[in-house]
Amino acid sequence: MKGASIALDRIGDREAAALIVDGIVEDLFLDGAAALPGAIYRGIAGRPMKGQGGVFFDTPDGPAYLRQIKGVSPAERRILQVTGYAEPGKAIPVTDRVLFKSRYAIVTPGAPGINVSRAIRNDDMREALLALAHDIVEDADGFGLILRSSCAGAAEDAVAEDIAEMRALAAAVMADTEGAAELLVAGDGAHARAWREWSMPATIDGEPGAFDRLGVWEAIDALASPHVALGARASMSVEVTRALVAVDVNTGGDTSPAAGLKATLAALRALPRELRLRGLGGLVTIDPAPVPKKDRRQIEGALRAALKSDSVETIFAGWTPMGNIELQRKRDRPALADILKEEAAR
């Protein structure tokens, strides 16, 4: 099946969305039980936590943690946005640098200026988008605007409507600073997030059973195993511990001089998709197949290229003294295994 397709379905009572490209599931959005990333609260500050570099805030969904000490007073009201999924037993991660993100536009309170995505390279299109934005957003109001790459080829009326709606929402929310702790804007569920992020031309199947018809359940079943085949005899294992995600690369018994490098490069190219579909983040430690130190530059280049095309923010932290690779990956989605386990227990 050539081209892109989007399947909108449910896992139990949770929304789920899958992006399928040329017959392969490339991305998966699921609703978790915790606060959804992008949700906006009016939070009330507690006392700064000495030695921890942050402050806990009260929210209707439990404690939230802001990595900031300076400028925050006890009992202060502050507008906060959820940045990712909390680890079990930990506070909701939030930021006070709030973004209002939609399909075509991102409104940035406190960061004036209008910018167009670098992915839009056509000068005439960039100028037209800037002119459109300047007609809606005033530079003096303290709100900035980023026009996303999805604006390319979109109808002008749709882009203008999106900008106006996000600008109005941002103004209303950022002014709503008085009162008790409250959820001001709910985070996007899986279906809304799919509309916002997957803007490429695609056929959409939103009827019940879409996951069955488009083979998504088969891909989910395969993700239940830590084993990932890499071609030839090579493979990698992706396993979750309490502290980190461990990735082990194996040549499968191939003892040729180039086997270690080939297996490691194949694993790094496949890894972002595997982590994305499994919903894994935090610390990721990769144990590559045996390779000489002279090949590390090539390995790093392949890793950076793979991460550049990934939609989830990931930082390459470097090599450990034992020759492992460490990554720090944003937790922007719940773990697939946890959701399936919760549904099975119902």
Protein backbone atom coordinates (compact mmCIF):
# COMPACT_ATOMS: atom_id res chain seq x y z
CA MET A 1 0.00 0.00 0.00
CA LYS A 2 1.73 3.15 -1.23
CA GLY A 3 1.27 6.61 0.23
CA ALA A 4 0.28 7.79 3.70
CA SER A 5 -2.77 6.73 5.66
CA ILE A 6 -4.04 7.80 9.07
CA ALA A 7 -6.05 5.41 11.23
CA LEU A 8 -8.19 6.90 14.03
CA ASP A 9 -9.40 4.27 16.47
CA ARG A 10 -9.55 3.47 20.19
CA ILE A 11 -7.76 1.16 22.61
CA GLY A 12 -10.44 0.48 25.20
CA ASP A 13 -11.87 3.90 26.01
CA ARG A 14 -8.69 5.75 25.01
CA GLU A 15 -8.21 7.56 21.71
CA ALA A 16 -5.48 6.13 19.47
CA ALA A 17 -4.10 7.26 16.11
CA ALA A 18 -1.58 5.66 13.77
CA LEU A 19 0.34 7.01 10.80
CA ILE A 20 1.04 4.40 8.13
CA VAL A 21 3.46 5.20 5.30
CA ASP A 22 3.83 2.74 2.41
CA GLY A 23 2.26 0.02 4.53
CA ILE A 24 4.54 0.54 7.57
CA VAL A 25 3.35 2.05 10.86
CA GLU A 26 5.65 5.06 11.39
CA ASP A 27 4.03 6.81 14.34
CA LEU A 28 1.49 6.11 17.04
CA PHE A 29 -0.38 8.51 19.33
CA LEU A 30 -2.18 7.14 22.39
CA ASP A 31 -3.96 8.83 25.27
CA GLY A 32 -2.42 8.09 28.66
CA ALA A 33 -4.11 8.21 32.05
CA ALA A 34 -2.09 11.23 33.23
CA ALA A 35 -2.37 14.86 32.19
CA LEU A 36 -1.87 15.20 28.44
CA PRO A 37 1.14 17.14 27.15
CA GLY A 38 0.07 20.64 26.14
CA ALA A 39 -2.51 20.98 28.92
CA ILE A 40 -2.42 24.41 30.56
CA TYR A 41 -3.04 25.04 34.27
CA ARG A 42 -3.28 27.92 36.62
CA GLY A 43 -1.01 26.55 39.32
CA ILE A 44 -0.30 27.73 42.85
CA ALA A 45 3.31 27.65 44.00
CA GLY A 46 4.49 25.90 47.12
CA ARG A 47 7.81 26.43 48.83
CA PRO A 48 10.98 26.20 46.71
CA MET A 49 12.73 22.85 47.09
CA LYS A 50 16.26 23.65 48.21
CA GLY A 51 18.89 21.60 46.46
CA GLN A 52 16.44 20.38 43.78
CA GLY A 53 16.43 23.46 41.55
CA GLY A 54 12.68 23.74 41.25
CA VAL A 55 9.26 24.47 42.74
CA PHE A 56 6.19 22.28 43.21
CA PHE A 57 2.85 23.75 42.17
CA ASP A 58 -0.65 22.62 43.11
CA THR A 59 -2.89 21.70 40.16
CA PRO A 60 -6.29 19.94 39.97
CA ASP A 61 -4.49 16.81 38.70
CA GLY A 62 -1.86 16.65 41.42
CA PRO A 63 1.53 18.25 42.06
CA ALA A 64 3.43 19.74 39.14
CA TYR A 65 7.17 20.44 39.10
CA LEU A 66 8.68 23.57 37.55
CA ARG A 67 12.46 23.60 37.14
CA GLN A 68 12.91 27.14 38.40
CA ILE A 69 13.64 28.79 41.75
CA LYS A 70 14.27 32.46 41.04
CA GLY A 71 11.29 34.74 40.75
CA VAL A 72 8.72 32.32 42.23
CA SER A 73 7.08 33.13 45.57
CA PRO A 74 5.02 30.76 47.75
CA ALA A 75 1.27 30.91 46.91
CA GLU A 76 2.00 32.70 43.62
CA ARG A 77 -0.38 31.96 40.73
CA ARG A 78 1.33 31.10 37.48
CA ILE A 79 0.22 29.82 34.06
CA LEU A 80 1.91 26.46 33.44
CA GLN A 81 1.94 23.99 30.55
CA VAL A 82 2.52 20.24 30.71
CA THR A 83 5.67 19.33 28.77
CA GLY A 84 5.52 15.53 28.86
CA TYR A 85 4.30 12.44 30.67
CA ALA A 86 5.37 12.05 34.29
CA GLU A 87 7.22 8.95 35.41
CA PRO A 88 5.14 6.76 37.78
CA GLY A 89 4.99 8.34 41.22
CA LYS A 90 6.49 11.65 40.09
CA ALA A 91 5.06 15.13 39.65
CA ILE A 92 3.74 16.44 36.34
CA PRO A 93 6.57 18.17 34.39
CA VAL A 94 5.59 21.72 33.46
CA THR A 95 7.03 24.92 32.05
CA ASP A 96 5.96 28.56 32.38
CA ARG A 97 7.03 29.21 28.79
CA VAL A 98 3.62 28.44 27.38
CA LEU A 99 3.03 27.70 23.69
CA PHE A 100 -0.33 27.61 21.92
CA LYS A 101 0.19 25.10 19.15
CA SER A 102 -2.20 24.22 16.34
CA ARG A 103 -1.98 22.74 12.85
CA TYR A 104 -0.66 25.84 11.12
CA ALA A 105 0.50 28.20 13.85
CA ILE A 106 2.25 28.41 17.22
CA VAL A 107 1.55 31.48 19.35
CA THR A 108 4.40 32.38 21.72
CA PRO A 109 3.41 34.67 24.61
CA GLY A 110 6.30 36.79 25.83
CA ALA A 111 8.35 36.17 22.69
CA PRO A 112 7.27 38.79 20.10
CA GLY A 113 8.05 38.43 16.43
CA ILE A 114 6.66 36.55 13.46
CA ASN A 115 8.66 33.72 11.94
CA VAL A 116 8.08 31.19 9.19
CA SER A 117 9.31 27.59 9.35
CA ARG A 118 12.65 27.09 7.62
CA ALA A 119 11.11 24.09 5.85
CA ILE A 120 9.21 26.59 3.67
CA ARG A 121 11.89 27.69 1.21
CA ASN A 122 9.81 29.43 -1.44
CA ASP A 123 10.42 33.17 -1.00
CA ASP A 124 7.06 34.21 -2.47
CA MET A 125 5.22 31.83 -0.17
CA ARG A 126 7.15 33.07 2.87
CA GLU A 127 6.35 36.69 2.05
CA ALA A 128 2.67 35.90 1.54
CA LEU A 129 2.48 34.10 4.88
CA LEU A 130 4.24 36.95 6.68
CA ALA A 131 1.84 39.48 5.18
CA LEU A 132 -1.12 37.35 6.23
CA ALA A 133 0.20 37.02 9.78
CA HIS A 134 0.92 40.75 10.16
CA ASP A 135 -2.71 41.49 9.29
CA ILE A 136 -3.83 39.40 12.30
CA VAL A 137 -1.10 39.69 14.94
CA GLU A 138 0.22 43.03 16.18
CA ASP A 139 3.90 43.19 17.11
CA ALA A 140 3.20 45.41 20.10
CA ASP A 141 0.91 42.99 21.94
CA GLY A 142 3.76 40.86 23.33
CA PHE A 143 2.70 37.71 21.48
CA GLY A 144 4.88 36.09 18.87
CA LEU A 145 3.91 33.71 16.09
CA ILE A 146 5.56 30.82 14.29
CA LEU A 147 4.01 29.66 11.03
CA ARG A 148 4.54 25.93 10.73
CA SER A 149 5.67 23.99 7.65
CA SER A 150 2.10 22.71 7.23
CA CYS A 151 1.18 26.20 5.96
CA ALA A 152 2.83 25.32 2.63
CA GLY A 153 0.04 24.65 0.15
CA ALA A 154 -2.72 25.22 2.74
CA ALA A 155 -5.71 27.41 1.98
CA GLU A 156 -5.14 31.03 3.05
CA ASP A 157 -8.50 31.19 4.83
CA ALA A 158 -7.68 28.08 6.87
CA VAL A 159 -4.31 29.49 7.94
CA ALA A 160 -5.82 32.87 8.83
CA GLU A 161 -8.60 31.26 10.87
CA ASP A 162 -6.10 29.08 12.73
CA ILE A 163 -3.88 32.06 13.60
CA ALA A 164 -6.84 34.12 14.83
CA GLU A 165 -8.21 31.29 16.98
CA MET A 166 -4.83 30.56 18.60
CA ARG A 167 -4.18 34.27 19.18
CA ALA A 168 -7.57 34.73 20.87
CA LEU A 169 -7.08 31.64 23.02
CA ALA A 170 -3.60 32.75 24.08
CA ALA A 171 -4.85 36.20 25.08
CA ALA A 172 -7.72 34.78 27.15
CA VAL A 173 -5.62 32.16 28.93
CA MET A 174 -2.61 34.32 29.74
CA ALA A 175 -4.92 36.93 31.31
CA ASP A 176 -6.69 34.36 33.51
CA THR A 177 -4.27 34.48 36.44
CA GLU A 178 -6.61 34.88 39.42
CA GLY A 179 -8.35 32.12 41.35
CA ALA A 180 -7.75 28.60 42.58
CA ALA A 181 -5.67 25.97 40.83
CA GLU A 182 -7.52 25.12 37.61
CA LEU A 183 -7.19 23.35 34.28
CA LEU A 184 -7.51 26.15 31.71
CA VAL A 185 -6.88 24.24 28.48
CA ALA A 186 -7.03 20.47 28.07
CA GLY A 187 -4.19 18.80 26.19
CA ASP A 188 -4.89 17.42 22.74
CA GLY A 189 -6.06 13.82 22.64
CA ALA A 190 -4.60 11.36 20.14
CA HIS A 191 -7.07 12.25 17.35
CA ALA A 192 -6.57 16.02 17.72
CA ARG A 193 -2.82 15.54 17.94
CA ALA A 194 -2.85 13.51 14.72
CA TRP A 195 -4.72 16.34 12.95
CA ARG A 196 -2.22 18.86 14.34
CA GLU A 197 1.02 16.98 13.61
CA TRP A 198 0.37 14.78 10.56
CA SER A 199 -0.34 17.39 7.93
CA MET A 200 0.96 15.49 4.90
CA PRO A 201 -1.49 14.37 2.19
CA ALA A 202 -3.04 11.16 3.51
CA THR A 203 -6.17 9.06 3.37
CA ILE A 204 -8.00 9.01 6.71
CA ASP A 205 -9.90 6.05 8.15
CA GLY A 206 -11.79 7.20 11.23
CA GLU A 207 -14.38 4.44 11.39
CA PRO A 208 -14.36 1.78 14.15
CA GLY A 209 -11.99 -1.07 13.26
CA ALA A 210 -9.51 1.18 11.42
CA PHE A 211 -6.57 -0.41 13.25
CA ASP A 212 -7.65 -3.85 12.03
CA ARG A 213 -8.15 -2.76 8.44
CA LEU A 214 -4.79 -0.99 8.17
CA GLY A 215 -2.70 -3.58 9.99
CA VAL A 216 -1.95 -1.45 13.06
CA TRP A 217 -2.79 -4.22 15.53
CA GLU A 218 -0.23 -6.48 13.86
CA ALA A 219 2.43 -3.82 14.39
CA ILE A 220 1.37 -3.37 18.02
CA ASP A 221 1.61 -7.11 18.60
CA ALA A 222 5.17 -7.09 17.21
CA LEU A 223 6.09 -4.26 19.59
CA ALA A 224 5.24 -6.49 22.54
CA SER A 225 8.54 -8.27 21.94
CA PRO A 226 11.86 -6.57 22.76
CA HIS A 227 13.45 -8.25 19.72
CA VAL A 228 13.89 -6.15 16.56
CA ALA A 229 15.28 -7.78 13.41
CA LEU A 230 17.75 -5.61 11.49
CA GLY A 231 18.31 -7.67 8.37
CA ALA A 232 20.76 -10.50 7.66
CA ARG A 233 21.43 -12.04 11.09
CA ALA A 234 21.68 -8.79 13.05
CA SER A 235 19.15 -7.69 15.65
CA MET A 236 18.68 -5.41 18.62
CA SER A 237 16.81 -5.77 21.88
CA VAL A 238 14.87 -2.82 23.37
CA GLU A 239 14.07 -3.38 27.05
CA VAL A 240 12.80 -1.07 29.79
CA THR A 241 14.20 -1.02 33.32
CA ARG A 242 13.19 1.28 36.20
CA ALA A 243 16.17 3.52 35.52
CA LEU A 244 16.55 3.53 31.73
CA VAL A 245 15.80 2.02 28.34
CA ALA A 246 18.49 -0.52 27.47
CA VAL A 247 19.27 -1.23 23.80
CA ASP A 248 21.58 -4.13 22.96
CA VAL A 249 22.86 -4.59 19.40
CA ASN A 250 23.80 -8.10 18.26
CA THR A 251 25.50 -9.29 15.06
CA GLY A 252 23.77 -12.65 15.27
CA GLY A 253 26.94 -14.71 15.09
CA ASP A 254 28.39 -12.91 12.08
CA THR A 255 32.11 -12.66 12.88
CA SER A 256 33.22 -10.78 9.76
CA PRO A 257 35.29 -7.62 10.41
CA ALA A 258 32.54 -5.27 9.23
CA ALA A 259 29.64 -7.03 11.00
CA GLY A 260 29.76 -4.91 14.16
CA LEU A 261 29.66 -1.61 12.31
CA LYS A 262 26.90 -2.73 9.93
CA ALA A 263 24.71 -3.98 12.78
CA THR A 264 25.25 -0.84 14.83
CA LEU A 265 24.43 1.50 11.93
CA ALA A 266 21.30 -0.49 11.12
CA ALA A 267 20.23 -0.35 14.77
CA LEU A 268 20.69 3.42 15.02
CA ARG A 269 18.67 4.00 11.86
CA ALA A 270 15.82 1.86 13.21
CA LEU A 271 15.96 3.03 16.84
CA PRO A 272 13.98 6.33 16.65
CA ARG A 273 10.97 4.56 15.13
CA GLU A 274 11.12 1.75 17.71
CA LEU A 275 11.29 4.20 20.62
CA ARG A 276 8.54 6.36 19.08
CA LEU A 277 6.10 3.49 18.59
CA ARG A 278 6.82 2.02 22.03
CA GLY A 279 6.36 5.42 23.65
CA LEU A 280 9.73 5.28 25.41
CA GLY A 281 11.69 8.25 26.76
CA GLY A 282 14.06 9.27 29.50
CA LEU A 283 17.59 7.89 29.61
CA VAL A 284 18.42 5.51 26.73
CA THR A 285 21.65 3.49 26.88
CA ILE A 286 22.82 1.72 23.72
CA ASP A 287 25.32 -1.13 23.85
CA PRO A 288 26.61 -1.24 20.24
CA ALA A 289 28.06 -4.29 18.60
CA PRO A 290 31.86 -4.50 18.92
CA VAL A 291 33.42 -1.74 16.81
CA PRO A 292 36.87 -0.09 16.86
CA LYS A 293 37.10 3.47 18.18
CA LYS A 294 38.00 4.76 14.73
CA ASP A 295 34.42 4.02 13.61
CA ARG A 296 32.82 6.18 16.30
CA ARG A 297 32.64 9.29 14.12
CA GLN A 298 30.70 7.39 11.46
CA ILE A 299 28.40 5.98 14.12
CA GLU A 300 27.75 9.42 15.57
CA GLY A 301 26.96 10.79 12.12
CA ALA A 302 24.40 8.04 11.47
CA LEU A 303 22.84 8.58 14.90
CA ARG A 304 22.53 12.35 14.49
CA ALA A 305 20.97 11.90 11.04
CA ALA A 306 18.42 9.45 12.44
CA LEU A 307 17.53 11.74 15.35
CA LYS A 308 17.24 14.80 13.10
CA SER A 309 14.35 13.23 11.22
CA ASP A 310 12.63 12.07 14.44
CA SER A 311 9.66 14.04 15.75
CA VAL A 312 10.60 13.47 19.41
CA GLU A 313 13.28 15.70 20.93
CA THR A 314 16.34 13.58 21.75
CA ILE A 315 19.78 14.66 22.95
CA PHE A 316 22.93 12.69 22.14
CA ALA A 317 24.78 12.80 25.48
CA GLY A 318 27.92 10.99 24.33
CA TRP A 319 29.91 7.82 24.94
CA THR A 320 30.45 6.21 28.32
CA PRO A 321 33.90 4.97 29.44
CA MET A 322 32.67 1.42 28.72
CA GLY A 323 31.85 2.28 25.10
CA ASN A 324 28.07 2.64 25.41
CA ILE A 325 26.04 5.45 23.83
CA GLU A 326 23.74 7.57 26.01
CA LEU A 327 20.68 9.53 24.86
CA GLN A 328 18.21 11.70 26.77
CA ARG A 329 14.78 11.51 25.16
CA LYS A 330 11.70 13.58 25.91
CA ARG A 331 8.74 11.72 27.42
CA ASP A 332 6.09 13.15 25.11
CA ARG A 333 3.83 10.09 25.06
CA PRO A 334 2.82 7.23 27.37
CA ALA A 335 4.52 3.85 27.13
CA LEU A 336 2.58 1.49 24.86
CA ALA A 337 3.28 -1.47 27.16
CA ASP A 338 1.73 0.34 30.14
CA ILE A 339 -1.44 1.17 28.24
CA LEU A 340 -1.86 -2.40 26.99
CA LYS A 341 -1.27 -3.72 30.50
CA GLU A 342 -3.86 -1.34 31.97
CA GLU A 343 -6.43 -2.32 29.33
CA ALA A 344 -5.78 -6.02 29.88
CA ALA A 345 -6.38 -5.57 33.63
CA ARG A 346 -9.83 -4.01 33.12
